[in-house]
Full PDB file with SEQRES, HELIX, SHEET, SSBOND, CRYST1, ORIGX, SCALE, CONECT and MASTER records, all heavy atoms in Angstrom:
SEQRES   1 A   41  VAL LEU SER MET LEU LEU LEU LEU PRO LEU GLY ALA ALA          
SEQRES   2 A   41  PHE GLY GLN GLN ILE LYS SER ASP ALA GLU ILE GLY ALA          
SEQRES   3 A   41  GLN TRP GLY PHE THR GLN PRO ALA PRO ILE ASP PHE ASN          
SEQRES   4 A   41  ASP HIS                                                      
HELIX    1 AA1 LEU A    2  LEU A    7  1                                   6    
HELIX    2 AA2 LEU A   10  ALA A   13  1                                   4    
HELIX    3 AA3 ASP A   21  GLN A   27  1                                   7    
CRYST1    1.000    1.000    1.000  90.00  90.00  90.00 P 1           1          
ORIGX1      1.000000  0.000000  0.000000        0.00000                         
ORIGX2      0.000000  1.000000  0.000000        0.00000                         
ORIGX3      0.000000  0.000000  1.000000        0.00000                         
SCALE1      1.000000  0.000000  0.000000        0.00000                         
SCALE2      0.000000  1.000000  0.000000        0.00000                         
SCALE3      0.000000  0.000000  1.000000        0.00000                         
ATOM      1  N   VAL A   1     -19.685  -5.443  17.807  1.00  0.00           N  
ATOM      2  CA  VAL A   1     -18.346  -4.945  17.490  1.00  0.00           C  
ATOM      3  C   VAL A   1     -17.619  -5.898  16.539  1.00  0.00           C  
ATOM      4  O   VAL A   1     -16.982  -5.491  15.643  1.00  0.00           O  
ATOM      5  CB  VAL A   1     -17.572  -4.666  18.784  1.00  0.00           C  
ATOM      6  CG1 VAL A   1     -16.057  -4.280  18.443  1.00  0.00           C  
ATOM      7  CG2 VAL A   1     -18.235  -3.576  19.570  1.00  0.00           C  
ATOM      8  N   LEU A   2     -17.813  -7.199  16.818  1.00  0.00           N  
ATOM      9  CA  LEU A   2     -17.026  -8.184  16.075  1.00  0.00           C  
ATOM     10  C   LEU A   2     -17.476  -8.203  14.624  1.00  0.00           C  
ATOM     11  O   LEU A   2     -16.672  -8.228  13.730  1.00  0.00           O  
ATOM     12  CB  LEU A   2     -17.312  -9.615  16.620  1.00  0.00           C  
ATOM     13  CG  LEU A   2     -16.679 -10.739  15.871  1.00  0.00           C  
ATOM     14  CD1 LEU A   2     -15.113 -10.533  15.854  1.00  0.00           C  
ATOM     15  CD2 LEU A   2     -16.988 -12.065  16.595  1.00  0.00           C  
ATOM     16  N   SER A   3     -18.840  -8.076  14.433  1.00  0.00           N  
ATOM     17  CA  SER A   3     -19.362  -8.080  13.019  1.00  0.00           C  
ATOM     18  C   SER A   3     -18.772  -6.859  12.260  1.00  0.00           C  
ATOM     19  O   SER A   3     -18.552  -6.916  11.069  1.00  0.00           O  
ATOM     20  CB  SER A   3     -20.805  -8.145  13.014  1.00  0.00           C  
ATOM     21  OG  SER A   3     -21.397  -6.918  13.584  1.00  0.00           O  
ATOM     22  N   MET A   4     -18.686  -5.739  12.955  1.00  0.00           N  
ATOM     23  CA  MET A   4     -18.163  -4.548  12.259  1.00  0.00           C  
ATOM     24  C   MET A   4     -16.630  -4.606  11.934  1.00  0.00           C  
ATOM     25  O   MET A   4     -16.282  -4.276  10.908  1.00  0.00           O  
ATOM     26  CB  MET A   4     -18.426  -3.279  13.178  1.00  0.00           C  
ATOM     27  CG  MET A   4     -19.904  -2.955  13.339  1.00  0.00           C  
ATOM     28  SD  MET A   4     -20.142  -1.605  14.507  1.00  0.00           S  
ATOM     29  CE  MET A   4     -19.450  -0.229  13.626  1.00  0.00           C  
ATOM     30  N   LEU A   5     -16.003  -5.296  12.815  1.00  0.00           N  
ATOM     31  CA  LEU A   5     -14.536  -5.475  12.619  1.00  0.00           C  
ATOM     32  C   LEU A   5     -14.377  -6.426  11.384  1.00  0.00           C  
ATOM     33  O   LEU A   5     -13.441  -6.178  10.592  1.00  0.00           O  
ATOM     34  CB  LEU A   5     -13.802  -6.088  13.839  1.00  0.00           C  
ATOM     35  CG  LEU A   5     -13.600  -5.146  15.005  1.00  0.00           C  
ATOM     36  CD1 LEU A   5     -13.084  -5.917  16.155  1.00  0.00           C  
ATOM     37  CD2 LEU A   5     -12.680  -4.047  14.601  1.00  0.00           C  
ATOM     38  N   LEU A   6     -15.242  -7.331  11.165  1.00  0.00           N  
ATOM     39  CA  LEU A   6     -15.055  -8.294  10.046  1.00  0.00           C  
ATOM     40  C   LEU A   6     -15.208  -7.577   8.734  1.00  0.00           C  
ATOM     41  O   LEU A   6     -14.829  -8.037   7.708  1.00  0.00           O  
ATOM     42  CB  LEU A   6     -16.038  -9.389  10.256  1.00  0.00           C  
ATOM     43  CG  LEU A   6     -15.755 -10.456  11.344  1.00  0.00           C  
ATOM     44  CD1 LEU A   6     -16.862 -11.496  11.514  1.00  0.00           C  
ATOM     45  CD2 LEU A   6     -14.409 -11.024  11.130  1.00  0.00           C  
ATOM     46  N   LEU A   7     -16.011  -6.479   8.687  1.00  0.00           N  
ATOM     47  CA  LEU A   7     -16.238  -5.726   7.484  1.00  0.00           C  
ATOM     48  C   LEU A   7     -14.935  -4.923   7.159  1.00  0.00           C  
ATOM     49  O   LEU A   7     -14.968  -4.299   5.981  1.00  0.00           O  
ATOM     50  CB  LEU A   7     -17.416  -4.844   7.649  1.00  0.00           C  
ATOM     51  CG  LEU A   7     -18.760  -5.606   7.797  1.00  0.00           C  
ATOM     52  CD1 LEU A   7     -19.840  -4.561   8.031  1.00  0.00           C  
ATOM     53  CD2 LEU A   7     -19.032  -6.405   6.602  1.00  0.00           C  
ATOM     54  N   LEU A   8     -14.053  -4.692   7.995  1.00  0.00           N  
ATOM     55  CA  LEU A   8     -12.807  -3.860   7.755  1.00  0.00           C  
ATOM     56  C   LEU A   8     -11.609  -4.657   7.323  1.00  0.00           C  
ATOM     57  O   LEU A   8     -11.578  -5.891   7.603  1.00  0.00           O  
ATOM     58  CB  LEU A   8     -12.433  -3.132   8.975  1.00  0.00           C  
ATOM     59  CG  LEU A   8     -13.388  -2.052   9.566  1.00  0.00           C  
ATOM     60  CD1 LEU A   8     -12.938  -1.649  10.917  1.00  0.00           C  
ATOM     61  CD2 LEU A   8     -13.656  -0.890   8.688  1.00  0.00           C  
ATOM     62  N   PRO A   9     -10.763  -4.052   6.429  1.00  0.00           N  
ATOM     63  CA  PRO A   9      -9.526  -4.733   6.151  1.00  0.00           C  
ATOM     64  C   PRO A   9      -8.795  -5.088   7.434  1.00  0.00           C  
ATOM     65  O   PRO A   9      -8.927  -4.397   8.422  1.00  0.00           O  
ATOM     66  CB  PRO A   9      -8.751  -3.659   5.369  1.00  0.00           C  
ATOM     67  CG  PRO A   9      -9.775  -2.820   4.792  1.00  0.00           C  
ATOM     68  CD  PRO A   9     -10.826  -2.746   5.806  1.00  0.00           C  
ATOM     69  N   LEU A  10      -8.036  -6.222   7.415  1.00  0.00           N  
ATOM     70  CA  LEU A  10      -7.481  -6.711   8.628  1.00  0.00           C  
ATOM     71  C   LEU A  10      -6.688  -5.707   9.376  1.00  0.00           C  
ATOM     72  O   LEU A  10      -6.744  -5.544  10.579  1.00  0.00           O  
ATOM     73  CB  LEU A  10      -6.686  -8.015   8.276  1.00  0.00           C  
ATOM     74  CG  LEU A  10      -6.088  -8.662   9.514  1.00  0.00           C  
ATOM     75  CD1 LEU A  10      -7.158  -9.172  10.432  1.00  0.00           C  
ATOM     76  CD2 LEU A  10      -5.237  -9.895   9.108  1.00  0.00           C  
ATOM     77  N   GLY A  11      -5.762  -5.013   8.548  1.00  0.00           N  
ATOM     78  CA  GLY A  11      -4.987  -4.021   9.233  1.00  0.00           C  
ATOM     79  C   GLY A  11      -5.696  -2.910   9.910  1.00  0.00           C  
ATOM     80  O   GLY A  11      -5.463  -2.469  11.049  1.00  0.00           O  
ATOM     81  N   ALA A  12      -6.795  -2.392   9.103  1.00  0.00           N  
ATOM     82  CA  ALA A  12      -7.484  -1.288   9.684  1.00  0.00           C  
ATOM     83  C   ALA A  12      -8.298  -1.681  10.906  1.00  0.00           C  
ATOM     84  O   ALA A  12      -8.513  -0.859  11.787  1.00  0.00           O  
ATOM     85  CB  ALA A  12      -8.461  -0.751   8.514  1.00  0.00           C  
ATOM     86  N   ALA A  13      -8.722  -2.951  10.938  1.00  0.00           N  
ATOM     87  CA  ALA A  13      -9.558  -3.486  12.045  1.00  0.00           C  
ATOM     88  C   ALA A  13      -8.769  -3.327  13.397  1.00  0.00           C  
ATOM     89  O   ALA A  13      -9.298  -3.102  14.424  1.00  0.00           O  
ATOM     90  CB  ALA A  13      -9.979  -4.796  11.826  1.00  0.00           C  
ATOM     91  N   PHE A  14      -7.378  -3.467  13.346  1.00  0.00           N  
ATOM     92  CA  PHE A  14      -6.608  -3.403  14.535  1.00  0.00           C  
ATOM     93  C   PHE A  14      -5.805  -2.122  14.578  1.00  0.00           C  
ATOM     94  O   PHE A  14      -4.744  -2.121  15.248  1.00  0.00           O  
ATOM     95  CB  PHE A  14      -5.788  -4.751  14.571  1.00  0.00           C  
ATOM     96  CG  PHE A  14      -6.564  -5.954  14.819  1.00  0.00           C  
ATOM     97  CD1 PHE A  14      -6.989  -6.687  13.659  1.00  0.00           C  
ATOM     98  CD2 PHE A  14      -6.938  -6.369  16.073  1.00  0.00           C  
ATOM     99  CE1 PHE A  14      -7.733  -7.863  13.954  1.00  0.00           C  
ATOM    100  CE2 PHE A  14      -7.639  -7.443  16.294  1.00  0.00           C  
ATOM    101  CZ  PHE A  14      -8.058  -8.213  15.154  1.00  0.00           C  
ATOM    102  N   GLY A  15      -6.139  -1.095  13.837  1.00  0.00           N  
ATOM    103  CA  GLY A  15      -5.513   0.180  13.917  1.00  0.00           C  
ATOM    104  C   GLY A  15      -4.174   0.291  13.216  1.00  0.00           C  
ATOM    105  O   GLY A  15      -3.404   1.260  13.485  1.00  0.00           O  
ATOM    106  N   GLN A  16      -3.883  -0.722  12.394  1.00  0.00           N  
ATOM    107  CA  GLN A  16      -2.604  -0.700  11.670  1.00  0.00           C  
ATOM    108  C   GLN A  16      -2.828   0.096  10.328  1.00  0.00           C  
ATOM    109  O   GLN A  16      -3.887   0.160   9.669  1.00  0.00           O  
ATOM    110  CB  GLN A  16      -2.169  -2.020  11.331  1.00  0.00           C  
ATOM    111  CG  GLN A  16      -1.873  -2.907  12.525  1.00  0.00           C  
ATOM    112  CD  GLN A  16      -1.508  -4.300  12.164  1.00  0.00           C  
ATOM    113  OE1 GLN A  16      -1.293  -4.628  10.934  1.00  0.00           O  
ATOM    114  NE2 GLN A  16      -1.344  -5.190  13.107  1.00  0.00           N  
ATOM    115  N   GLN A  17      -1.679   0.834   9.854  1.00  0.00           N  
ATOM    116  CA  GLN A  17      -1.710   1.563   8.640  1.00  0.00           C  
ATOM    117  C   GLN A  17      -1.502   0.490   7.451  1.00  0.00           C  
ATOM    118  O   GLN A  17      -0.635  -0.235   7.458  1.00  0.00           O  
ATOM    119  CB  GLN A  17      -0.622   2.555   8.664  1.00  0.00           C  
ATOM    120  CG  GLN A  17      -0.656   3.435   7.361  1.00  0.00           C  
ATOM    121  CD  GLN A  17       0.491   4.478   7.387  1.00  0.00           C  
ATOM    122  OE1 GLN A  17       1.283   4.602   8.340  1.00  0.00           O  
ATOM    123  NE2 GLN A  17       0.587   5.265   6.310  1.00  0.00           N  
ATOM    124  N   ILE A  18      -2.426   0.679   6.437  1.00  0.00           N  
ATOM    125  CA  ILE A  18      -2.315  -0.146   5.271  1.00  0.00           C  
ATOM    126  C   ILE A  18      -1.203   0.444   4.318  1.00  0.00           C  
ATOM    127  O   ILE A  18      -1.319   1.591   3.900  1.00  0.00           O  
ATOM    128  CB  ILE A  18      -3.679  -0.265   4.530  1.00  0.00           C  
ATOM    129  CG1 ILE A  18      -4.738  -0.828   5.461  1.00  0.00           C  
ATOM    130  CG2 ILE A  18      -3.503  -1.191   3.335  1.00  0.00           C  
ATOM    131  CD1 ILE A  18      -4.440  -2.173   6.000  1.00  0.00           C  
ATOM    132  N   LYS A  19      -0.267  -0.354   3.971  1.00  0.00           N  
ATOM    133  CA  LYS A  19       0.831   0.070   3.135  1.00  0.00           C  
ATOM    134  C   LYS A  19       0.568  -0.218   1.680  1.00  0.00           C  
ATOM    135  O   LYS A  19      -0.073  -1.240   1.287  1.00  0.00           O  
ATOM    136  CB  LYS A  19       2.185  -0.619   3.529  1.00  0.00           C  
ATOM    137  CG  LYS A  19       2.649  -0.177   5.083  1.00  0.00           C  
ATOM    138  CD  LYS A  19       3.918  -0.911   5.322  1.00  0.00           C  
ATOM    139  CE  LYS A  19       4.432  -0.502   6.760  1.00  0.00           C  
ATOM    140  NZ  LYS A  19       5.690  -1.133   7.048  1.00  0.00           N  
ATOM    141  N   SER A  20       1.089   0.710   0.852  1.00  0.00           N  
ATOM    142  CA  SER A  20       0.936   0.593  -0.601  1.00  0.00           C  
ATOM    143  C   SER A  20       1.949  -0.569  -1.067  1.00  0.00           C  
ATOM    144  O   SER A  20       2.846  -0.890  -0.355  1.00  0.00           O  
ATOM    145  CB  SER A  20       1.170   1.885  -1.324  1.00  0.00           C  
ATOM    146  OG  SER A  20       2.536   2.220  -1.148  1.00  0.00           O  
ATOM    147  N   ASP A  21       1.749  -1.019  -2.297  1.00  0.00           N  
ATOM    148  CA  ASP A  21       2.662  -1.839  -2.900  1.00  0.00           C  
ATOM    149  C   ASP A  21       4.069  -1.303  -2.939  1.00  0.00           C  
ATOM    150  O   ASP A  21       5.021  -1.993  -2.789  1.00  0.00           O  
ATOM    151  CB  ASP A  21       2.236  -2.304  -4.315  1.00  0.00           C  
ATOM    152  CG  ASP A  21       0.930  -3.117  -4.303  1.00  0.00           C  
ATOM    153  OD1 ASP A  21       0.642  -3.619  -3.148  1.00  0.00           O  
ATOM    154  OD2 ASP A  21       0.336  -3.401  -5.377  1.00  0.00           O  
ATOM    155  N   ALA A  22       4.103   0.059  -3.290  1.00  0.00           N  
ATOM    156  CA  ALA A  22       5.444   0.677  -3.324  1.00  0.00           C  
ATOM    157  C   ALA A  22       6.127   0.683  -2.006  1.00  0.00           C  
ATOM    158  O   ALA A  22       7.360   0.511  -2.018  1.00  0.00           O  
ATOM    159  CB  ALA A  22       5.232   2.143  -3.977  1.00  0.00           C  
ATOM    160  N   GLU A  23       5.448   0.998  -1.021  1.00  0.00           N  
ATOM    161  CA  GLU A  23       6.004   1.016   0.319  1.00  0.00           C  
ATOM    162  C   GLU A  23       6.533  -0.414   0.785  1.00  0.00           C  
ATOM    163  O   GLU A  23       7.510  -0.494   1.379  1.00  0.00           O  
ATOM    164  CB  GLU A  23       4.906   1.469   1.435  1.00  0.00           C  
ATOM    165  CG  GLU A  23       4.656   3.008   1.195  1.00  0.00           C  
ATOM    166  CD  GLU A  23       3.500   3.481   2.079  1.00  0.00           C  
ATOM    167  OE1 GLU A  23       2.503   2.672   2.231  1.00  0.00           O  
ATOM    168  OE2 GLU A  23       3.567   4.579   2.559  1.00  0.00           O  
ATOM    169  N   ILE A  24       5.732  -1.408   0.507  1.00  0.00           N  
ATOM    170  CA  ILE A  24       6.076  -2.708   0.836  1.00  0.00           C  
ATOM    171  C   ILE A  24       7.366  -3.050  -0.016  1.00  0.00           C  
ATOM    172  O   ILE A  24       8.349  -3.651   0.493  1.00  0.00           O  
ATOM    173  CB  ILE A  24       4.965  -3.752   0.464  1.00  0.00           C  
ATOM    174  CG1 ILE A  24       3.820  -3.513   1.445  1.00  0.00           C  
ATOM    175  CG2 ILE A  24       5.449  -5.143   0.604  1.00  0.00           C  
ATOM    176  CD1 ILE A  24       2.580  -4.252   1.104  1.00  0.00           C  
ATOM    177  N   GLY A  25       7.301  -2.731  -1.308  1.00  0.00           N  
ATOM    178  CA  GLY A  25       8.516  -3.002  -2.124  1.00  0.00           C  
ATOM    179  C   GLY A  25       9.757  -2.277  -1.629  1.00  0.00           C  
ATOM    180  O   GLY A  25      10.836  -2.877  -1.665  1.00  0.00           O  
ATOM    181  N   ALA A  26       9.619  -1.030  -1.124  1.00  0.00           N  
ATOM    182  CA  ALA A  26      10.770  -0.298  -0.751  1.00  0.00           C  
ATOM    183  C   ALA A  26      11.348  -1.000   0.525  1.00  0.00           C  
ATOM    184  O   ALA A  26      12.634  -0.917   0.710  1.00  0.00           O  
ATOM    185  CB  ALA A  26      10.322   1.096  -0.328  1.00  0.00           C  
ATOM    186  N   GLN A  27      10.604  -1.623   1.359  1.00  0.00           N  
ATOM    187  CA  GLN A  27      11.143  -2.360   2.455  1.00  0.00           C  
ATOM    188  C   GLN A  27      12.052  -3.491   2.111  1.00  0.00           C  
ATOM    189  O   GLN A  27      12.927  -3.760   2.837  1.00  0.00           O  
ATOM    190  CB  GLN A  27       9.947  -2.982   3.336  1.00  0.00           C  
ATOM    191  CG  GLN A  27       9.105  -1.973   4.007  1.00  0.00           C  
ATOM    192  CD  GLN A  27       8.022  -2.622   4.848  1.00  0.00           C  
ATOM    193  OE1 GLN A  27       7.504  -3.692   4.482  1.00  0.00           O  
ATOM    194  NE2 GLN A  27       7.642  -2.010   5.950  1.00  0.00           N  
ATOM    195  N   TRP A  28      11.949  -3.998   0.846  1.00  0.00           N  
ATOM    196  CA  TRP A  28      12.718  -5.055   0.343  1.00  0.00           C  
ATOM    197  C   TRP A  28      13.841  -4.544  -0.543  1.00  0.00           C  
ATOM    198  O   TRP A  28      14.546  -5.334  -1.200  1.00  0.00           O  
ATOM    199  CB  TRP A  28      11.934  -6.104  -0.393  1.00  0.00           C  
ATOM    200  CG  TRP A  28      10.951  -6.853   0.633  1.00  0.00           C  
ATOM    201  CD1 TRP A  28       9.706  -6.468   0.895  1.00  0.00           C  
ATOM    202  CD2 TRP A  28      11.274  -7.982   1.387  1.00  0.00           C  
ATOM    203  NE1 TRP A  28       9.244  -7.436   1.813  1.00  0.00           N  
ATOM    204  CE2 TRP A  28      10.128  -8.353   2.105  1.00  0.00           C  
ATOM    205  CE3 TRP A  28      12.436  -8.762   1.466  1.00  0.00           C  
ATOM    206  CZ2 TRP A  28      10.132  -9.409   2.987  1.00  0.00           C  
ATOM    207  CZ3 TRP A  28      12.323  -9.810   2.338  1.00  0.00           C  
ATOM    208  CH2 TRP A  28      11.202 -10.190   3.042  1.00  0.00           C  
ATOM    209  N   GLY A  29      14.002  -3.168  -0.720  1.00  0.00           N  
ATOM    210  CA  GLY A  29      14.998  -2.638  -1.585  1.00  0.00           C  
ATOM    211  C   GLY A  29      14.533  -2.533  -3.018  1.00  0.00           C  
ATOM    212  O   GLY A  29      15.405  -2.312  -3.885  1.00  0.00           O  
ATOM    213  N   PHE A  30      13.269  -2.737  -3.308  1.00  0.00           N  
ATOM    214  CA  PHE A  30      12.881  -2.710  -4.728  1.00  0.00           C  
ATOM    215  C   PHE A  30      12.439  -1.191  -5.100  1.00  0.00           C  
ATOM    216  O   PHE A  30      12.035  -0.430  -4.218  1.00  0.00           O  
ATOM    217  CB  PHE A  30      11.643  -3.515  -4.982  1.00  0.00           C  
ATOM    218  CG  PHE A  30      11.886  -5.025  -4.731  1.00  0.00           C  
ATOM    219  CD1 PHE A  30      11.061  -5.744  -3.846  1.00  0.00           C  
ATOM    220  CD2 PHE A  30      12.903  -5.701  -5.319  1.00  0.00           C  
ATOM    221  CE1 PHE A  30      11.285  -7.109  -3.585  1.00  0.00           C  
ATOM    222  CE2 PHE A  30      13.223  -7.061  -5.108  1.00  0.00           C  
ATOM    223  CZ  PHE A  30      12.345  -7.769  -4.190  1.00  0.00           C  
ATOM    224  N   THR A  31      12.582  -0.828  -6.332  1.00  0.00           N  
ATOM    225  CA  THR A  31      12.201   0.473  -6.709  1.00  0.00           C  
ATOM    226  C   THR A  31      11.185   0.502  -7.856  1.00  0.00           C  
ATOM    227  O   THR A  31      11.080  -0.542  -8.609  1.00  0.00           O  
ATOM    228  CB  THR A  31      13.463   1.199  -7.200  1.00  0.00           C  
ATOM    229  OG1 THR A  31      14.007   0.497  -8.433  1.00  0.00           O  
ATOM    230  CG2 THR A  31      14.501   1.347  -6.202  1.00  0.00           C  
ATOM    231  N   GLN A  32      10.429   1.540  -7.939  1.00  0.00           N  
ATOM    232  CA  GLN A  32       9.487   1.720  -9.031  1.00  0.00           C  
ATOM    233  C   GLN A  32      10.121   2.374 -10.241  1.00  0.00           C  
ATOM    234  O   GLN A  32      11.066   3.176 -10.098  1.00  0.00           O  
ATOM    235  CB  GLN A  32       8.220   2.552  -8.530  1.00  0.00           C  
ATOM    236  CG  GLN A  32       7.446   1.913  -7.472  1.00  0.00           C  
ATOM    237  CD  GLN A  32       6.581   0.869  -8.045  1.00  0.00           C  
ATOM    238  OE1 GLN A  32       6.129   0.898  -9.234  1.00  0.00           O  
ATOM    239  NE2 GLN A  32       6.197  -0.162  -7.257  1.00  0.00           N  
ATOM    240  N   PRO A  33       9.534   2.115 -11.461  1.00  0.00           N  
ATOM    241  CA  PRO A  33      10.072   2.821 -12.599  1.00  0.00           C  
ATOM    242  C   PRO A  33       9.722   4.366 -12.481  1.00  0.00           C  
ATOM    243  O   PRO A  33       8.709   4.687 -11.805  1.00  0.00           O  
ATOM    244  CB  PRO A  33       9.351   2.156 -13.759  1.00  0.00           C  
ATOM    245  CG  PRO A  33       8.160   1.519 -13.203  1.00  0.00           C  
ATOM    246  CD  PRO A  33       8.583   1.119 -11.846  1.00  0.00           C  
ATOM    247  N   ALA A  34      10.467   5.149 -13.207  1.00  0.00           N  
ATOM    248  CA  ALA A  34       9.993   6.590 -13.293  1.00  0.00           C  
ATOM    249  C   ALA A  34       8.661   6.697 -13.893  1.00  0.00           C  
ATOM    250  O   ALA A  34       8.181   5.787 -14.696  1.00  0.00           O  
ATOM    251  CB  ALA A  34      11.059   7.392 -14.143  1.00  0.00           C  
ATOM    252  N   PRO A  35       7.851   7.682 -13.538  1.00  0.00           N  
ATOM    253  CA  PRO A  35       6.546   7.800 -14.007  1.00  0.00           C  
ATOM    254  C   PRO A  35       6.493   8.142 -15.493  1.00  0.00           C  
ATOM    255  O   PRO A  35       7.534   8.442 -16.099  1.00  0.00           O  
ATOM    256  CB  PRO A  35       5.978   9.024 -13.283  1.00  0.00           C  
ATOM    257  CG  PRO A  35       7.182   9.800 -12.766  1.00  0.00           C  
ATOM    258  CD  PRO A  35       8.211   8.742 -12.634  1.00  0.00           C  
ATOM    259  N   ILE A  36       5.346   7.950 -16.132  1.00  0.00           N  
ATOM    260  CA  ILE A  36       5.174   8.138 -17.689  1.00  0.00           C  
ATOM    261  C   ILE A  36       5.510   9.580 -17.860  1.00  0.00           C  
ATOM    262  O   ILE A  36       5.028  10.487 -17.118  1.00  0.00           O  
ATOM    263  CB  ILE A  36       3.675   7.785 -18.001  1.00  0.00           C  
ATOM    264  CG1 ILE A  36       3.412   6.300 -17.858  1.00  0.00           C  
ATOM    265  CG2 ILE A  36       3.443   8.285 -19.379  1.00  0.00           C  
ATOM    266  CD1 ILE A  36       1.948   6.015 -18.068  1.00  0.00           C  
ATOM    267  N   ASP A  37       6.324   9.828 -18.896  1.00  0.00           N  
ATOM    268  CA  ASP A  37       6.585  11.150 -19.329  1.00  0.00           C  
ATOM    269  C   ASP A  37       6.622  11.122 -20.911  1.00  0.00           C  
ATOM    270  O   ASP A  37       7.560  10.810 -21.495  1.00  0.00           O  
ATOM    271  CB  ASP A  37       7.945  11.622 -18.846  1.00  0.00           C  
ATOM    272  CG  ASP A  37       8.215  13.102 -19.138  1.00  0.00           C  
ATOM    273  OD1 ASP A  37       7.432  13.742 -19.919  1.00  0.00           O  
ATOM    274  OD2 ASP A  37       9.379  13.581 -18.735  1.00  0.00           O  
ATOM    275  N   PHE A  38       5.505  11.498 -21.491  1.00  0.00           N  
ATOM    276  CA  PHE A  38       5.330  11.413 -22.966  1.00  0.00           C  
ATOM    277  C   PHE A  38       6.274  12.372 -23.612  1.00  0.00           C  
ATOM    278  O   PHE A  38       6.665  12.164 -24.726  1.00  0.00           O  
ATOM    279  CB  PHE A  38       3.874  11.708 -23.282  1.00  0.00           C  
ATOM    280  CG  PHE A  38       3.581  11.504 -24.743  1.00  0.00           C  
ATOM    281  CD1 PHE A  38       3.335  10.202 -25.289  1.00  0.00           C  
ATOM    282  CD2 PHE A  38       3.547  12.590 -25.721  1.00  0.00           C  
ATOM    283  CE1 PHE A  38       3.001  10.108 -26.645  1.00  0.00           C  
ATOM    284  CE2 PHE A  38       3.182  12.389 -27.005  1.00  0.00           C  
ATOM    285  CZ  PHE A  38       3.008  11.146 -27.473  1.00  0.00           C  
ATOM    286  N   ASN A  39       6.652  13.429 -22.847  1.00  0.00           N  
ATOM    287  CA  ASN A  39       7.513  14.453 -23.493  1.00  0.00           C  
ATOM    288  C   ASN A  39       8.922  14.241 -23.246  1.00  0.00           C  
ATOM    289  O   ASN A  39       9.775  15.162 -23.542  1.00  0.00           O  
ATOM    290  CB  ASN A  39       7.068  15.865 -22.910  1.00  0.00           C  
ATOM    291  CG  ASN A  39       5.695  16.307 -23.363  1.00  0.00           C  
ATOM    292  OD1 ASN A  39       5.301  16.094 -24.497  1.00  0.00           O  
ATOM    293  ND2 ASN A  39       4.813  16.719 -22.356  1.00  0.00           N  
ATOM    294  N   ASP A  40       9.341  13.057 -22.699  1.00  0.00           N  
ATOM    295  CA  ASP A  40      10.764  12.760 -22.640  1.00  0.00           C  
ATOM    296  C   ASP A  40      11.262  12.319 -23.976  1.00  0.00           C  
ATOM    297  O   ASP A  40      10.860  11.271 -24.446  1.00  0.00           O  
ATOM    298  CB  ASP A  40      10.934  11.637 -21.528  1.00  0.00           C  
ATOM    299  CG  ASP A  40      12.306  11.175 -21.451  1.00  0.00           C  
ATOM    300  OD1 ASP A  40      13.322  11.826 -21.885  1.00  0.00           O  
ATOM    301  OD2 ASP A  40      12.515  10.050 -20.931  1.00  0.00           O  
ATOM    302  N   HIS A  41      12.188  13.046 -24.548  1.00  0.00           N  
ATOM    303  CA  HIS A  41      12.677  12.793 -25.839  1.00  0.00           C  
ATOM    304  C   HIS A  41      14.118  12.475 -25.819  1.00  0.00           C  
ATOM    305  O   HIS A  41      14.830  12.494 -26.872  1.00  0.00           O  
ATOM    306  CB  HIS A  41      12.418  14.012 -26.741  1.00  0.00           C  
ATOM    307  CG  HIS A  41      10.982  14.339 -26.936  1.00  0.00           C  
ATOM    308  ND1 HIS A  41      10.501  15.575 -27.082  1.00  0.00           N  
ATOM    309  CD2 HIS A  41       9.869  13.483 -27.066  1.00  0.00           C  
ATOM    310  CE1 HIS A  41       9.178  15.637 -27.212  1.00  0.00           C  
ATOM    311  NE2 HIS A  41       8.822  14.285 -27.192  1.00  0.00           N  
TER     312      HIS A  41                                                      
MASTER        0    0    0    3    0    0    0    6  311    1    0    4          
END                                                                             
């Protein structure tokens, strides 16, 4: 069981949800730019 846990990301090994960079940034009050819109004129 230990060797299998070592193959997993730390959070997943202990049943934690892995957060995206955007989610982590949002916790600190940071925002992402608007998505690419080539047709924005």
